[in-house]
PDB file of all heavy atoms in Angstrom:
ATOM      1  N   GLY A   1       8.858 -37.081  18.185  1.00  0.00           N
ATOM      2  CA  GLY A   1      10.080 -36.646  17.558  1.00  0.00           C
ATOM      3  C   GLY A   1      10.624 -35.440  18.232  1.00  0.00           C
ATOM      4  O   GLY A   1      10.006 -34.948  19.195  1.00  0.00           O
ATOM      5  N   GLN A   2      11.707 -34.906  17.849  1.00  0.00           N
ATOM      6  CA  GLN A   2      12.400 -33.792  18.519  1.00  0.00           C
ATOM      7  C   GLN A   2      11.903 -32.579  17.729  1.00  0.00           C
ATOM      8  O   GLN A   2      12.480 -32.041  16.878  1.00  0.00           O
ATOM      9  CB  GLN A   2      13.935 -33.874  18.417  1.00  0.00           C
ATOM     10  CG  GLN A   2      14.578 -35.011  19.063  1.00  0.00           C
ATOM     11  CD  GLN A   2      14.438 -35.038  20.504  1.00  0.00           C
ATOM     12  OE1 GLN A   2      14.483 -33.886  21.181  1.00  0.00           O
ATOM     13  NE2 GLN A   2      14.260 -36.073  21.142  1.00  0.00           N
ATOM     14  N   LEU A   3      10.725 -32.022  18.237  1.00  0.00           N
ATOM     15  CA  LEU A   3      10.152 -30.863  17.666  1.00  0.00           C
ATOM     16  C   LEU A   3      10.952 -29.674  17.751  1.00  0.00           C
ATOM     17  O   LEU A   3      11.011 -28.880  16.858  1.00  0.00           O
ATOM     18  CB  LEU A   3       8.758 -30.673  18.322  1.00  0.00           C
ATOM     19  CG  LEU A   3       7.918 -29.461  17.759  1.00  0.00           C
ATOM     20  CD1 LEU A   3       7.607 -29.758  16.254  1.00  0.00           C
ATOM     21  CD2 LEU A   3       6.641 -29.305  18.515  1.00  0.00           C
ATOM     22  N   LYS A   4      11.659 -29.448  18.958  1.00  0.00           N
ATOM     23  CA  LYS A   4      12.486 -28.234  19.128  1.00  0.00           C
ATOM     24  C   LYS A   4      13.546 -28.116  18.064  1.00  0.00           C
ATOM     25  O   LYS A   4      13.802 -27.100  17.516  1.00  0.00           O
ATOM     26  CB  LYS A   4      13.042 -28.364  20.456  1.00  0.00           C
ATOM     27  CG  LYS A   4      14.031 -27.094  20.729  1.00  0.00           C
ATOM     28  CD  LYS A   4      14.599 -27.158  22.216  1.00  0.00           C
ATOM     29  CE  LYS A   4      15.580 -25.959  22.338  1.00  0.00           C
ATOM     30  NZ  LYS A   4      16.635 -26.087  21.391  1.00  0.00           N
ATOM     31  N   ASP A   5      14.208 -29.189  17.837  1.00  0.00           N
ATOM     32  CA  ASP A   5      15.399 -29.272  16.829  1.00  0.00           C
ATOM     33  C   ASP A   5      14.829 -28.935  15.500  1.00  0.00           C
ATOM     34  O   ASP A   5      15.410 -28.164  14.647  1.00  0.00           O
ATOM     35  CB  ASP A   5      16.084 -30.639  16.751  1.00  0.00           C
ATOM     36  CG  ASP A   5      16.669 -30.823  18.172  1.00  0.00           C
ATOM     37  OD1 ASP A   5      16.939 -29.901  18.788  1.00  0.00           O
ATOM     38  OD2 ASP A   5      17.100 -31.937  18.463  1.00  0.00           O
ATOM     39  N   VAL A   6      13.621 -29.550  14.992  1.00  0.00           N
ATOM     40  CA  VAL A   6      13.050 -29.304  13.780  1.00  0.00           C
ATOM     41  C   VAL A   6      12.682 -27.881  13.586  1.00  0.00           C
ATOM     42  O   VAL A   6      12.952 -27.208  12.610  1.00  0.00           O
ATOM     43  CB  VAL A   6      11.894 -30.258  13.500  1.00  0.00           C
ATOM     44  CG1 VAL A   6      11.230 -29.973  12.207  1.00  0.00           C
ATOM     45  CG2 VAL A   6      12.446 -31.612  13.580  1.00  0.00           C
ATOM     46  N   ILE A   7      12.027 -27.318  14.592  1.00  0.00           N
ATOM     47  CA  ILE A   7      11.646 -25.833  14.564  1.00  0.00           C
ATOM     48  C   ILE A   7      12.807 -24.890  14.410  1.00  0.00           C
ATOM     49  O   ILE A   7      12.855 -23.925  13.781  1.00  0.00           O
ATOM     50  CB  ILE A   7      10.718 -25.501  15.782  1.00  0.00           C
ATOM     51  CG1 ILE A   7       9.390 -26.362  15.694  1.00  0.00           C
ATOM     52  CG2 ILE A   7      10.396 -24.122  15.812  1.00  0.00           C
ATOM     53  CD1 ILE A   7       8.518 -26.096  16.957  1.00  0.00           C
ATOM     54  N   THR A   8      13.802 -25.247  15.137  1.00  0.00           N
ATOM     55  CA  THR A   8      15.120 -24.399  15.189  1.00  0.00           C
ATOM     56  C   THR A   8      15.710 -24.427  13.854  1.00  0.00           C
ATOM     57  O   THR A   8      16.167 -23.427  13.217  1.00  0.00           O
ATOM     58  CB  THR A   8      16.050 -25.020  16.240  1.00  0.00           C
ATOM     59  OG1 THR A   8      15.563 -24.785  17.475  1.00  0.00           O
ATOM     60  CG2 THR A   8      17.331 -23.975  16.216  1.00  0.00           C
ATOM     61  N   ARG A   9      15.751 -25.655  13.166  1.00  0.00           N
ATOM     62  CA  ARG A   9      16.285 -25.736  11.833  1.00  0.00           C
ATOM     63  C   ARG A   9      15.461 -24.967  10.811  1.00  0.00           C
ATOM     64  O   ARG A   9      15.915 -24.378   9.863  1.00  0.00           O
ATOM     65  CB  ARG A   9      16.440 -27.209  11.454  1.00  0.00           C
ATOM     66  CG  ARG A   9      17.495 -27.997  12.193  1.00  0.00           C
ATOM     67  CD  ARG A   9      17.623 -29.459  11.814  1.00  0.00           C
ATOM     68  NE  ARG A   9      18.447 -30.155  12.713  1.00  0.00           N
ATOM     69  CZ  ARG A   9      18.596 -31.449  12.643  1.00  0.00           C
ATOM     70  NH1 ARG A   9      17.891 -32.169  11.740  1.00  0.00           N
ATOM     71  NH2 ARG A   9      19.498 -32.050  13.317  1.00  0.00           N
ATOM     72  N   LEU A  10      14.075 -25.054  10.981  1.00  0.00           N
ATOM     73  CA  LEU A  10      13.255 -24.329  10.116  1.00  0.00           C
ATOM     74  C   LEU A  10      13.322 -22.833  10.176  1.00  0.00           C
ATOM     75  O   LEU A  10      13.348 -22.109   9.179  1.00  0.00           O
ATOM     76  CB  LEU A  10      11.820 -24.738  10.314  1.00  0.00           C
ATOM     77  CG  LEU A  10      10.757 -24.001   9.557  1.00  0.00           C
ATOM     78  CD1 LEU A  10      10.824 -24.214   8.163  1.00  0.00           C
ATOM     79  CD2 LEU A  10       9.251 -24.399  10.070  1.00  0.00           C
ATOM     80  N   ASN A  11      13.501 -22.422  11.398  1.00  0.00           N
ATOM     81  CA  ASN A  11      13.768 -20.964  11.612  1.00  0.00           C
ATOM     82  C   ASN A  11      15.120 -20.540  10.938  1.00  0.00           C
ATOM     83  O   ASN A  11      15.169 -19.389  10.363  1.00  0.00           O
ATOM     84  CB  ASN A  11      13.773 -20.612  13.075  1.00  0.00           C
ATOM     85  CG  ASN A  11      13.696 -19.130  13.371  1.00  0.00           C
ATOM     86  OD1 ASN A  11      13.415 -18.406  12.563  1.00  0.00           O
ATOM     87  ND2 ASN A  11      13.752 -18.811  14.689  1.00  0.00           N
ATOM     88  N   ARG A  12      16.132 -21.431  11.013  1.00  0.00           N
ATOM     89  CA  ARG A  12      17.379 -20.964  10.493  1.00  0.00           C
ATOM     90  C   ARG A  12      17.404 -20.948   8.987  1.00  0.00           C
ATOM     91  O   ARG A  12      17.864 -20.104   8.293  1.00  0.00           O
ATOM     92  CB  ARG A  12      18.439 -22.034  10.981  1.00  0.00           C
ATOM     93  CG  ARG A  12      19.790 -21.633  10.505  1.00  0.00           C
ATOM     94  CD  ARG A  12      20.294 -20.371  11.148  1.00  0.00           C
ATOM     95  NE  ARG A  12      21.568 -19.875  10.557  1.00  0.00           N
ATOM     96  CZ  ARG A  12      22.138 -18.817  10.854  1.00  0.00           C
ATOM     97  NH1 ARG A  12      21.648 -18.028  11.776  1.00  0.00           N
ATOM     98  NH2 ARG A  12      23.292 -18.431  10.243  1.00  0.00           N
ATOM     99  N   LEU A  13      16.554 -21.915   8.396  1.00  0.00           N
ATOM    100  CA  LEU A  13      16.410 -21.979   6.989  1.00  0.00           C
ATOM    101  C   LEU A  13      15.689 -20.735   6.532  1.00  0.00           C
ATOM    102  O   LEU A  13      16.066 -20.089   5.444  1.00  0.00           O
ATOM    103  CB  LEU A  13      15.629 -23.237   6.546  1.00  0.00           C
ATOM    104  CG  LEU A  13      16.394 -24.578   6.691  1.00  0.00           C
ATOM    105  CD1 LEU A  13      15.512 -25.758   6.355  1.00  0.00           C
ATOM    106  CD2 LEU A  13      17.606 -24.550   5.621  1.00  0.00           C
ATOM    107  N   MET A  14      14.613 -20.269   7.164  1.00  0.00           N
ATOM    108  CA  MET A  14      13.860 -18.994   6.871  1.00  0.00           C
ATOM    109  C   MET A  14      14.794 -17.832   6.962  1.00  0.00           C
ATOM    110  O   MET A  14      14.754 -17.007   6.101  1.00  0.00           O
ATOM    111  CB  MET A  14      12.659 -19.001   7.767  1.00  0.00           C
ATOM    112  CG  MET A  14      11.648 -19.904   7.468  1.00  0.00           C
ATOM    113  SD  MET A  14      10.182 -19.609   8.539  1.00  0.00           S
ATOM    114  CE  MET A  14       9.768 -17.993   7.914  1.00  0.00           C
ATOM    115  N   PHE A  15      15.691 -17.778   7.954  1.00  0.00           N
ATOM    116  CA  PHE A  15      16.646 -16.664   8.064  1.00  0.00           C
ATOM    117  C   PHE A  15      17.468 -16.678   7.005  1.00  0.00           C
ATOM    118  O   PHE A  15      17.813 -15.539   6.404  1.00  0.00           O
ATOM    119  CB  PHE A  15      17.236 -16.845   9.514  1.00  0.00           C
ATOM    120  CG  PHE A  15      18.311 -15.627   9.663  1.00  0.00           C
ATOM    121  CD1 PHE A  15      17.991 -14.411  10.067  1.00  0.00           C
ATOM    122  CD2 PHE A  15      19.662 -15.941   9.386  1.00  0.00           C
ATOM    123  CE1 PHE A  15      18.989 -13.406  10.291  1.00  0.00           C
ATOM    124  CE2 PHE A  15      20.522 -14.998   9.595  1.00  0.00           C
ATOM    125  CZ  PHE A  15      20.254 -13.682  10.021  1.00  0.00           C
ATOM    126  N   ASP A  16      18.160 -17.699   6.524  1.00  0.00           N
ATOM    127  CA  ASP A  16      19.048 -17.747   5.556  1.00  0.00           C
ATOM    128  C   ASP A  16      18.407 -17.447   4.197  1.00  0.00           C
ATOM    129  O   ASP A  16      18.974 -16.683   3.287  1.00  0.00           O
ATOM    130  CB  ASP A  16      19.737 -19.175   5.357  1.00  0.00           C
ATOM    131  CG  ASP A  16      20.556 -19.584   6.592  1.00  0.00           C
ATOM    132  OD1 ASP A  16      21.037 -18.484   7.290  1.00  0.00           O
ATOM    133  OD2 ASP A  16      20.806 -20.698   6.894  1.00  0.00           O
ATOM    134  N   ALA A  17      17.116 -17.844   3.925  1.00  0.00           N
ATOM    135  CA  ALA A  17      16.492 -17.635   2.758  1.00  0.00           C
ATOM    136  C   ALA A  17      16.167 -16.010   2.669  1.00  0.00           C
ATOM    137  O   ALA A  17      16.309 -15.434   1.462  1.00  0.00           O
ATOM    138  CB  ALA A  17      15.111 -18.289   2.614  1.00  0.00           C
ATOM    139  N   ARG A  18      15.837 -15.380   3.769  1.00  0.00           N
ATOM    140  CA  ARG A  18      15.563 -13.947   3.780  1.00  0.00           C
ATOM    141  C   ARG A  18      16.869 -13.221   3.423  1.00  0.00           C
ATOM    142  O   ARG A  18      16.883 -12.206   2.895  1.00  0.00           O
ATOM    143  CB  ARG A  18      14.972 -13.558   5.091  1.00  0.00           C
ATOM    144  CG  ARG A  18      13.449 -13.919   5.247  1.00  0.00           C
ATOM    145  CD  ARG A  18      12.769 -13.097   6.238  1.00  0.00           C
ATOM    146  NE  ARG A  18      13.582 -13.158   7.510  1.00  0.00           N
ATOM    147  CZ  ARG A  18      13.468 -14.025   8.494  1.00  0.00           C
ATOM    148  NH1 ARG A  18      12.515 -14.900   8.336  1.00  0.00           N
ATOM    149  NH2 ARG A  18      14.097 -13.899   9.518  1.00  0.00           N
ATOM    150  N   ALA A  19      17.885 -13.817   4.109  1.00  0.00           N
ATOM    151  CA  ALA A  19      19.281 -13.091   3.946  1.00  0.00           C
ATOM    152  C   ALA A  19      19.595 -13.150   2.413  1.00  0.00           C
ATOM    153  O   ALA A  19      20.175 -12.117   1.810  1.00  0.00           O
ATOM    154  CB  ALA A  19      20.284 -13.790   4.784  1.00  0.00           C
ATOM    155  N   ILE A  20      19.417 -14.340   1.878  1.00  0.00           N
ATOM    156  CA  ILE A  20      19.890 -14.465   0.291  1.00  0.00           C
ATOM    157  C   ILE A  20      18.941 -13.468  -0.530  1.00  0.00           C
ATOM    158  O   ILE A  20      19.388 -12.793  -1.369  1.00  0.00           O
ATOM    159  CB  ILE A  20      19.706 -15.938   0.061  1.00  0.00           C
ATOM    160  CG1 ILE A  20      20.812 -16.735   0.688  1.00  0.00           C
ATOM    161  CG2 ILE A  20      19.851 -16.000  -1.586  1.00  0.00           C
ATOM    162  CD1 ILE A  20      20.590 -18.244   0.419  1.00  0.00           C
ATOM    163  N   GLU A  21      17.765 -13.327  -0.214  1.00  0.00           N
ATOM    164  CA  GLU A  21      16.747 -12.591  -0.867  1.00  0.00           C
ATOM    165  C   GLU A  21      17.093 -11.025  -0.776  1.00  0.00           C
ATOM    166  O   GLU A  21      17.155 -10.294  -1.837  1.00  0.00           O
ATOM    167  CB  GLU A  21      15.347 -12.767  -0.403  1.00  0.00           C
ATOM    168  CG  GLU A  21      14.239 -12.124  -1.294  1.00  0.00           C
ATOM    169  CD  GLU A  21      13.993 -12.820  -2.530  1.00  0.00           C
ATOM    170  OE1 GLU A  21      14.485 -13.961  -2.651  1.00  0.00           O
ATOM    171  OE2 GLU A  21      13.309 -12.296  -3.381  1.00  0.00           O
ATOM    172  N   LYS A  22      17.491 -10.725   0.429  1.00  0.00           N
ATOM    173  CA  LYS A  22      17.964  -9.260   0.694  1.00  0.00           C
ATOM    174  C   LYS A  22      19.254  -8.945  -0.118  1.00  0.00           C
ATOM    175  O   LYS A  22      19.451  -7.920  -0.619  1.00  0.00           O
ATOM    176  CB  LYS A  22      18.028  -8.946   2.161  1.00  0.00           C
ATOM    177  CG  LYS A  22      16.701  -8.856   2.871  1.00  0.00           C
ATOM    178  CD  LYS A  22      16.902  -8.549   4.292  1.00  0.00           C
ATOM    179  CE  LYS A  22      15.600  -8.479   5.088  1.00  0.00           C
ATOM    180  NZ  LYS A  22      15.777  -8.206   6.452  1.00  0.00           N
ATOM    181  N   LYS A  23      20.147  -9.989  -0.132  1.00  0.00           N
ATOM    182  CA  LYS A  23      21.421  -9.832  -0.771  1.00  0.00           C
ATOM    183  C   LYS A  23      21.155  -9.782  -2.273  1.00  0.00           C
ATOM    184  O   LYS A  23      21.819  -8.930  -3.030  1.00  0.00           O
ATOM    185  CB  LYS A  23      22.326 -10.939  -0.520  1.00  0.00           C
ATOM    186  CG  LYS A  23      23.753 -10.826  -1.182  1.00  0.00           C
ATOM    187  CD  LYS A  23      24.573 -12.044  -0.809  1.00  0.00           C
ATOM    188  CE  LYS A  23      25.840 -11.857  -1.381  1.00  0.00           C
ATOM    189  NZ  LYS A  23      26.850 -12.994  -1.188  1.00  0.00           N
ATOM    190  N   LYS A  24      20.191 -10.426  -2.853  1.00  0.00           N
ATOM    191  CA  LYS A  24      19.827 -10.362  -4.303  1.00  0.00           C
ATOM    192  C   LYS A  24      19.372  -8.968  -4.601  1.00  0.00           C
ATOM    193  O   LYS A  24      19.830  -8.349  -5.668  1.00  0.00           O
ATOM    194  CB  LYS A  24      18.799 -11.515  -4.632  1.00  0.00           C
ATOM    195  CG  LYS A  24      18.524 -11.450  -6.034  1.00  0.00           C
ATOM    196  CD  LYS A  24      17.344 -12.495  -6.347  1.00  0.00           C
ATOM    197  CE  LYS A  24      16.085 -11.952  -5.852  1.00  0.00           C
ATOM    198  NZ  LYS A  24      14.914 -12.831  -6.347  1.00  0.00           N
ATOM    199  N   TYR A  25      18.411  -8.502  -3.832  1.00  0.00           N
ATOM    200  CA  TYR A  25      17.851  -7.126  -4.003  1.00  0.00           C
ATOM    201  C   TYR A  25      18.944  -6.072  -3.992  1.00  0.00           C
ATOM    202  O   TYR A  25      18.863  -5.026  -4.677  1.00  0.00           O
ATOM    203  CB  TYR A  25      16.648  -6.906  -3.209  1.00  0.00           C
ATOM    204  CG  TYR A  25      15.467  -7.512  -3.627  1.00  0.00           C
ATOM    205  CD1 TYR A  25      14.890  -8.664  -3.075  1.00  0.00           C
ATOM    206  CD2 TYR A  25      14.668  -6.919  -4.621  1.00  0.00           C
ATOM    207  CE1 TYR A  25      13.822  -9.154  -3.433  1.00  0.00           C
ATOM    208  CE2 TYR A  25      13.556  -7.511  -5.069  1.00  0.00           C
ATOM    209  CZ  TYR A  25      13.055  -8.677  -4.513  1.00  0.00           C
ATOM    210  OH  TYR A  25      11.881  -9.199  -5.077  1.00  0.00           O
ATOM    211  N   ALA A  26      19.878  -6.222  -3.004  1.00  0.00           N
ATOM    212  CA  ALA A  26      20.869  -5.243  -2.872  1.00  0.00           C
ATOM    213  C   ALA A  26      21.844  -5.279  -4.072  1.00  0.00           C
ATOM    214  O   ALA A  26      22.223  -4.084  -4.522  1.00  0.00           O
ATOM    215  CB  ALA A  26      21.685  -5.591  -1.561  1.00  0.00           C
ATOM    216  N   LEU A  27      22.154  -6.464  -4.670  1.00  0.00           N
ATOM    217  CA  LEU A  27      23.024  -6.484  -5.715  1.00  0.00           C
ATOM    218  C   LEU A  27      22.346  -6.005  -7.018  1.00  0.00           C
ATOM    219  O   LEU A  27      23.116  -5.571  -7.948  1.00  0.00           O
ATOM    220  CB  LEU A  27      23.555  -7.961  -6.045  1.00  0.00           C
ATOM    221  CG  LEU A  27      24.398  -8.508  -4.783  1.00  0.00           C
ATOM    222  CD1 LEU A  27      24.760 -10.053  -5.088  1.00  0.00           C
ATOM    223  CD2 LEU A  27      25.763  -7.779  -4.815  1.00  0.00           C
ATOM    224  N   THR A  28      21.083  -6.200  -7.147  1.00  0.00           N
ATOM    225  CA  THR A  28      20.360  -5.705  -8.334  1.00  0.00           C
ATOM    226  C   THR A  28      19.632  -4.417  -8.242  1.00  0.00           C
ATOM    227  O   THR A  28      18.973  -3.994  -9.124  1.00  0.00           O
ATOM    228  CB  THR A  28      19.316  -6.748  -8.769  1.00  0.00           C
ATOM    229  OG1 THR A  28      18.423  -6.948  -7.701  1.00  0.00           O
ATOM    230  CG2 THR A  28      20.060  -8.161  -9.075  1.00  0.00           C
TER     231      THR A  28
END
């Protein structure tokens, strides 16, 4: 399979999750 595409998407998901977590802590 296309390992590069899957890893890139996983990295993007982790980045978005961290951004949401930081935004939550900033708002609260």
